[in-house]
Protein backbone atom coordinates (compact mmCIF):
# COMPACT_ATOMS: atom_id res chain seq x y z
CA MET A 1 138.61 116.18 129.61
CA GLY A 2 135.90 117.52 131.34
CA ILE A 3 132.68 116.06 132.65
CA LYS A 4 130.62 117.54 129.76
CA GLY A 5 133.49 115.53 127.35
CA LYS A 6 133.56 112.74 129.40
CA PHE A 7 129.71 112.51 129.66
CA SER A 8 129.08 113.32 125.94
CA ILE A 9 131.59 110.12 125.37
CA VAL A 10 129.97 107.80 127.87
CA THR A 11 126.24 108.65 126.62
CA LEU A 12 127.47 108.05 122.95
CA LEU A 13 128.96 104.97 123.96
CA ILE A 14 126.06 103.43 125.69
CA GLY A 15 123.59 104.66 122.73
CA ILE A 16 125.83 102.98 120.47
CA ILE A 17 125.87 99.46 122.88
CA ILE A 18 122.21 99.76 123.16
CA SER A 19 121.28 100.30 119.52
CA LEU A 20 123.60 97.78 118.29
CA ALA A 21 121.81 95.42 121.05
CA SER A 22 118.48 96.65 119.87
CA TYR A 23 119.75 96.03 116.19
CA PHE A 24 120.84 92.74 116.72
CA ILE A 25 117.88 91.49 119.03
CA LEU A 26 115.41 93.01 116.27
CA GLU A 27 117.16 91.26 113.65
CA ARG A 28 116.90 87.99 115.38
CA SER A 29 113.14 88.58 116.35
CA ASN A 30 112.46 89.34 112.82
CA ASN A 31 114.06 86.20 111.57
CA LYS A 32 112.19 84.00 114.15
CA LEU A 33 109.01 86.01 112.85
CA ILE A 34 109.89 85.59 109.05
CA GLU A 35 110.45 81.70 109.74
CA MET A 36 107.13 81.42 111.69
CA GLU A 37 105.37 83.28 108.65
CA ALA A 38 106.91 80.66 106.24
CA THR A 39 106.03 78.20 108.45
CA ARG A 40 102.50 79.51 108.27
CA ILE A 41 102.42 80.14 104.48
CA ALA A 42 103.42 76.45 104.16
CA ASP A 43 100.96 75.31 106.68
CA ILE A 44 98.13 77.50 104.59
CA VAL A 45 99.18 76.12 101.31
CA SER A 46 99.34 72.50 102.36
CA THR A 47 95.67 72.75 103.80
CA GLN A 48 94.34 74.59 100.71
CA ILE A 49 95.93 71.97 98.29
CA LEU A 50 94.67 68.76 100.54
CA ALA A 51 91.32 70.22 100.86
CA ASP A 52 90.99 70.84 97.11
CA ARG A 53 92.26 67.33 96.61
CA ALA A 54 89.43 65.78 99.12
CA ILE A 55 86.85 68.16 97.41
CA TYR A 56 87.96 66.75 94.09
CA THR A 57 88.58 63.12 94.98
CA LYS A 58 85.21 63.14 97.10
CA THR A 59 82.62 65.22 94.72
CA LEU A 60 83.98 64.86 91.15
CA VAL A 61 85.82 61.58 91.11
CA GLY A 62 83.03 59.91 93.48
CA LYS A 63 80.15 60.89 91.10
CA LEU A 64 81.88 59.95 88.01
CA LYS A 65 82.39 56.51 89.61
CA ARG A 66 78.84 56.19 90.41
CA ASP A 67 78.32 57.03 86.91
CA GLY A 68 80.18 54.25 85.70
CA VAL A 69 83.05 56.04 84.81
CA GLY A 70 85.66 57.83 87.46
CA ALA A 71 89.16 58.95 87.36
CA ALA A 72 92.11 57.04 85.79
CA ARG A 73 95.88 57.52 84.98
CA ASP A 74 95.30 57.65 81.07
CA TRP A 75 92.27 59.51 81.42
CA HIS A 76 93.29 61.39 77.76
CA ASP A 77 92.54 58.27 76.10
CA LYS A 78 89.35 57.25 77.84
CA LYS A 79 86.07 58.80 77.15
CA GLY A 80 84.38 60.12 80.22
CA PHE A 81 86.96 60.03 82.67
CA ILE A 82 88.91 62.62 84.31
CA ALA A 83 92.58 62.81 85.77
CA LEU A 84 93.39 60.96 88.96
CA PRO A 85 93.40 62.99 92.09
CA ALA A 86 97.04 63.43 92.30
CA GLN A 87 97.38 64.15 88.77
CA PHE A 88 95.07 67.17 89.34
CA VAL A 89 97.32 68.41 92.18
CA ARG A 90 100.26 67.55 90.04
CA ALA A 91 98.79 70.27 87.33
CA VAL A 92 97.61 72.74 89.53
CA ALA A 93 101.19 72.91 91.22
CA GLN A 94 102.80 73.17 87.84
CA HIS A 95 100.42 76.12 87.04
CA VAL A 96 101.17 77.52 90.30
CA ASP A 97 104.84 77.15 89.97
CA LYS A 98 104.87 79.61 86.84
CA LYS A 99 102.25 82.05 88.83
CA ALA A 100 103.81 82.75 91.87
CA LYS A 101 106.84 84.00 91.07
CA GLY A 102 109.16 81.96 93.33
CA LEU A 103 107.11 82.88 96.54
CA TYR A 104 106.43 79.14 97.06
CA SER A 105 105.89 75.82 95.09
CA TYR A 106 104.99 72.40 96.05
CA LYS A 107 104.65 68.67 95.13
CA LEU A 108 103.19 65.42 96.24
CA LYS A 109 105.58 62.94 97.60
CA SER A 110 105.23 59.25 98.26
CA GLN A 111 107.44 56.20 98.58
CA TRP A 112 104.15 54.33 96.40
CA ASN A 113 104.52 57.07 93.79
CA LEU A 114 102.73 56.61 90.35
CA ASN A 115 104.56 59.51 88.79
CA SER A 116 108.60 59.27 88.48
CA ASP A 117 109.06 63.03 89.58
CA GLN A 118 106.95 62.33 93.09
CA GLY A 119 109.11 59.50 94.67
CA ILE A 120 111.11 60.08 97.65
CA ALA A 121 114.10 61.67 95.98
CA ASP A 122 116.81 63.56 98.10
CA ASP A 123 118.11 63.53 101.74
CA PHE A 124 114.85 65.85 103.36
CA ASP A 125 112.36 63.73 101.20
CA LYS A 126 113.82 60.75 102.91
CA TRP A 127 114.18 62.16 106.66
CA SER A 128 110.78 63.59 106.32
CA TRP A 129 109.03 60.43 104.96
CA ALA A 130 110.71 58.57 108.03
CA GLN A 131 109.01 60.86 110.56
CA LEU A 132 105.65 60.57 108.60
CA MET A 133 106.04 56.67 108.71
CA ALA A 134 106.71 56.75 112.26
CA GLN A 135 103.32 58.83 112.90
CA ASP A 136 101.68 56.43 110.72
CA SER A 137 102.95 53.25 112.85
CA GLN A 138 101.85 54.99 115.90
CA ASN A 139 98.56 55.61 114.43
CA SER A 140 97.97 52.34 113.63
CA LYS A 141 98.15 51.07 117.17
CA LYS A 142 95.11 53.53 117.62
CA GLU A 143 91.44 53.35 116.58
CA ALA A 144 90.59 55.80 114.00
CA PRO A 145 88.42 58.61 114.46
CA SER A 146 86.03 59.51 112.14
CA GLN A 147 87.95 62.50 110.78
CA GLY A 148 91.08 60.33 110.57
CA TYR A 149 94.01 60.85 112.60
CA SER A 150 95.65 64.22 113.77
CA TRP A 151 99.34 64.53 111.93
CA ASP A 152 102.33 66.82 112.63
CA PRO A 153 104.01 68.39 109.93
CA VAL A 154 107.85 67.74 109.23
CA TYR A 155 109.68 70.90 108.25
CA ARG A 156 113.19 72.20 108.52
CA PHE A 157 115.20 74.90 106.78
CA GLU A 158 117.98 74.43 104.73
CA MET A 159 120.23 76.15 102.42
CA VAL A 160 119.75 75.68 99.06
CA ASN A 161 122.00 77.22 96.10
CA GLY A 162 123.06 80.00 98.85
CA LYS A 163 119.67 80.72 99.84
CA ARG A 164 117.52 79.67 102.32
CA VAL A 165 114.60 77.64 101.82
CA LEU A 166 112.02 76.22 104.28
CA HIS A 167 111.22 72.53 103.56
CA TYR A 168 107.61 71.52 105.05
CA VAL A 169 105.85 68.48 104.82
CA LYS A 170 102.27 67.71 105.43
CA ALA A 171 101.20 63.87 105.74
CA ASP A 172 98.37 63.06 102.64
CA PRO A 173 96.47 60.04 104.09
CA ALA A 174 93.70 58.16 102.55
CA SER A 175 90.69 60.02 103.25
CA ALA A 176 88.28 58.63 100.74
CA GLY A 177 87.21 55.16 99.68
CA ALA A 178 87.64 56.06 95.87
CA CYS A 179 91.61 56.34 97.15
CA VAL A 180 92.08 53.43 98.76
CA SER A 181 90.35 51.21 95.83
CA CYS A 182 91.83 53.21 93.18
CA HIS A 183 95.50 52.75 94.33
CA ASN A 184 95.11 49.14 95.83
CA ALA A 185 94.33 47.99 92.30
CA TYR A 186 97.15 49.81 90.89
CA GLU A 187 99.29 47.96 93.18
CA GLN A 188 98.57 45.08 91.89
CA ARG A 189 99.46 45.75 88.42
CA ASN A 190 102.34 43.77 87.11
CA ASP A 191 104.03 47.16 85.86
CA ILE A 192 103.88 48.76 89.30
CA LYS A 193 105.12 46.09 91.01
CA VAL A 194 108.36 45.99 88.64
CA ILE A 195 108.52 50.05 89.87
CA ARG A 196 108.30 49.14 93.42
CA THR A 197 111.03 46.20 93.26
CA SER A 198 113.16 48.49 91.39
CA ASP A 199 112.68 50.96 94.65
CA GLY A 200 113.30 48.58 97.31
CA VAL A 201 109.76 49.08 98.41
CA GLU A 202 107.60 46.21 99.21
CA THR A 203 105.17 45.25 96.36
CA GLY A 204 101.34 44.48 96.77
CA LYS A 205 100.28 47.25 99.12
CA LYS A 206 97.10 47.26 100.39
CA TRP A 207 95.84 50.57 102.25
CA THR A 208 92.88 51.28 104.65
CA MET A 209 91.00 54.48 105.43
CA HIS A 210 93.40 57.42 106.89
CA GLN A 211 96.58 55.30 106.30
CA LEU A 212 99.61 57.22 105.28
CA MET A 213 99.24 57.00 101.26
CA GLY A 214 101.71 60.41 100.55
CA ALA A 215 102.46 63.84 101.31
CA ILE A 216 102.21 67.00 100.36
CA ARG A 217 105.64 68.95 100.13
CA VAL A 218 105.94 72.84 100.22
CA ASN A 219 109.09 74.56 99.41
CA ILE A 220 109.43 78.39 100.54
CA PRO A 221 112.19 80.57 99.88
CA VAL A 222 112.87 82.67 103.09
CA SER A 223 114.11 85.41 101.18
CA GLU A 224 110.92 86.04 99.12
CA VAL A 225 109.20 86.44 102.51
CA ALA A 226 112.05 88.38 104.05
CA ALA A 227 111.57 90.55 101.20
CA ALA A 228 107.92 91.04 101.84
CA ALA A 229 108.49 91.86 105.61
CA GLU A 230 111.40 94.24 104.65
CA ALA A 231 109.32 97.42 104.50
CA GLY A 232 107.70 96.90 108.12
CA ARG A 233 111.19 96.01 109.49
CA ASN A 234 112.70 99.22 108.11
CA ASP A 235 109.75 101.20 109.66
CA MET A 236 110.43 99.82 112.91
CA LEU A 237 114.01 100.42 112.89
CA THR A 238 113.35 103.89 111.98
CA GLY A 239 110.82 104.44 114.69
CA LEU A 240 113.54 102.71 117.26
CA ALA A 241 116.25 105.04 116.06
CA VAL A 242 114.00 108.00 116.50
CA THR A 243 113.13 107.03 119.75
CA PHE A 244 116.53 106.60 120.93
CA LEU A 245 117.77 109.87 119.37
CA VAL A 246 115.26 111.91 121.50
CA GLY A 247 115.49 109.49 124.45
CA PHE A 248 119.21 110.59 124.81
CA ALA A 249 118.91 113.80 123.60
CA GLY A 250 116.20 114.38 126.53
CA LEU A 251 118.54 112.42 128.96
CA PHE A 252 121.51 114.86 128.19
CA PHE A 253 119.65 118.06 128.45
CA LEU A 254 118.19 116.69 131.82
CA ILE A 255 121.79 115.59 133.47
CA PHE A 256 123.24 118.94 132.06
CA THR A 257 120.45 120.90 133.37
CA VAL A 258 119.86 119.07 136.87
CA VAL A 259 123.70 117.84 137.47
CA ILE A 260 126.64 119.67 135.52
CA LYS A 261 125.00 123.23 135.30
CA PRO A 262 124.45 123.15 139.35
CA ILE A 263 128.16 121.88 139.77
CA GLU A 264 129.64 124.55 137.45
CA GLU A 265 127.50 127.06 139.64
CA SER A 266 128.85 125.79 142.94
CA VAL A 267 132.35 126.29 141.69
CA ASP A 268 131.83 129.73 141.09
CA GLU A 269 130.31 130.03 144.42
CA VAL A 270 133.51 128.38 146.02
CA GLU A 271 135.96 130.55 144.02
CA GLY A 272 133.58 133.78 145.38
CA PHE A 273 133.90 132.21 149.02
CA SER A 274 137.39 131.57 148.48
CA GLU A 275 138.30 134.98 147.58
CA GLN A 276 136.11 136.03 151.05
CA VAL A 277 138.42 133.63 152.97
CA ASP A 278 141.36 134.90 151.50
CA ALA A 279 140.44 138.38 152.36
CA VAL A 280 140.10 137.51 155.79
CA VAL A 281 143.13 135.73 156.32
CA LYS A 282 145.15 138.98 154.97
CA CYS A 283 142.98 140.92 157.27
CA SER A 284 144.20 138.48 160.19
CA ARG A 285 147.56 138.77 159.04
CA GLY A 286 147.56 142.33 158.95
CA LEU A 287 145.96 142.20 162.46
CA LEU A 288 148.45 140.34 163.87
CA MET A 289 151.31 142.30 162.41
CA GLY A 290 149.42 145.30 164.18
CA ALA A 291 149.51 143.48 167.36
CA ASP A 292 153.07 142.29 167.37
CA GLU A 293 154.14 146.22 166.66
CA GLN A 294 151.95 147.14 169.96
CA LEU A 295 153.47 144.45 171.61
CA ASP A 296 156.68 145.68 170.58
CA ALA A 297 156.24 149.36 171.90
CA CYS A 298 154.52 148.07 175.16
CA ASN A 299 157.99 146.31 175.93
CA GLN A 300 159.79 149.49 174.73
CA LEU A 301 157.96 151.52 176.73
CA LYS A 302 158.33 149.26 180.06
CA ASP A 303 161.70 149.11 179.54
CA LYS A 304 161.97 153.18 179.78
CA GLN A 305 159.69 153.14 183.09
CA SER A 306 160.80 152.25 186.42
CA SER A 307 157.96 152.88 188.68
CA ASP A 308 156.12 149.29 189.88
CA GLU A 309 152.78 150.87 189.32
CA HIS A 310 153.36 151.87 185.73
CA SER A 311 155.32 148.47 185.12
CA ALA A 312 152.24 146.37 186.51
CA GLU A 313 150.24 148.58 184.14
CA PHE A 314 152.47 147.87 181.17
CA SER A 315 152.92 143.98 182.22
CA GLU A 316 149.07 143.90 182.18
CA LEU A 317 148.43 145.67 178.75
CA ALA A 318 151.44 143.98 177.50
CA GLU A 319 149.48 140.57 178.48
CA LEU A 320 146.61 141.41 176.74
CA ALA A 321 148.53 142.69 173.54
CA ASP A 322 150.00 139.01 173.72
CA LYS A 323 146.40 137.21 174.17
CA SER A 324 145.15 139.33 171.47
CA ALA A 325 147.93 138.30 169.05
CA MET A 326 147.50 134.21 169.88
CA LYS A 327 143.99 134.66 169.09
CA VAL A 328 144.43 136.61 165.93
CA GLU A 329 147.18 134.26 165.00
CA GLU A 330 144.66 131.18 165.82
CA SER A 331 142.23 132.88 163.47
CA ALA A 332 144.79 133.28 160.75
CA MET A 333 145.84 129.64 160.85
CA TYR A 334 142.26 128.56 160.63
CA CYS A 335 141.36 130.48 157.76
CA THR A 336 144.59 129.68 156.05
CA GLU A 337 143.68 125.67 156.37
CA LEU A 338 140.29 126.46 155.54
CA GLU A 339 141.72 128.68 151.98
CA THR A 340 143.76 125.31 151.54
CA LYS A 341 140.52 123.13 151.85
CA PHE A 342 138.72 125.14 149.42
CA ILE A 343 141.46 125.61 146.87
CA SER A 344 141.74 121.62 146.82
CA LEU A 345 138.05 121.23 146.50
CA LYS A 346 137.74 124.10 143.65
CA GLY A 347 140.63 122.25 142.00
CA LYS A 348 139.03 118.72 142.14
CA LEU A 349 135.67 120.24 140.74
CA ASN A 350 137.70 121.96 138.23
CA ARG A 351 139.20 118.94 137.21
CA ILE A 352 135.81 117.38 137.17
CA LEU A 353 134.58 120.13 134.77
CA GLY A 354 137.56 120.34 133.02
CA GLN A 355 138.18 123.47 133.88
């Protein structure tokens, strides 16, 4: 296989390796971005819910309470009363669940729940509630700021029915005096005490402002967020693929132009020079044969002549012919060595080029 074939295979392998590595890195980064986006959505949703609840409590419930009515658990049967803040959030959550098309859902959670479907139910509820209770314990050791304590959200990703889901919980502390007084009153009722005893929860709980009262749990299917981000990911993959193809095509053209083609031209030059050396070798061999013939002729002529004078001349002529023959022979040997080296070099270059 020649250098072109080898280079093409190496380039292809490098391209495949880089493409696969880039794909896996991009997929991993994309998954991280999807997780971040899901967490961001959960934070926005929970912040909006708690803000709605706070405004509902302070503005509506507070106003009605000053007017002599307020909010009640059985508000349907009481004239002038409205739903409790928790009931309001629950009603909105049910409406959102129908309209959000599976993008997200949320629910109020509490160890001191007044509604049966808002208690600490599954493993995540227990784990996240323990985290929030630990924060509440730490907060109780500090002086409460005017705007309340700073709470860290608790979340993790889990597989639910074969789909990856983000479970996100944010603390819902007592943010208004109406909340504190209302829930403290409910905890003194006998029917609520029965529920707490049944759930293994201490009865008679009394809250103060900014203490942990409940939590808002947001569930976001990661697949839904991924579907929304799929178009952007596909555009990025297409862009990378085009960039790699253009880049490797340019690299192949550059190396072929700068490296491979000059080597091929050098092989042609070496071949031409080898032919010239071969011609020199043949010429030297011809001269050597001629010199040998002249030397033989001189020796034969020398044998036929008897005078000392002619003998000396023939000896000198024979000596010169012999020296010339030796030089021609040395030249021929050098050219032969040079030819051998060029043939070897030509063979190496041809093997590299696959010719």
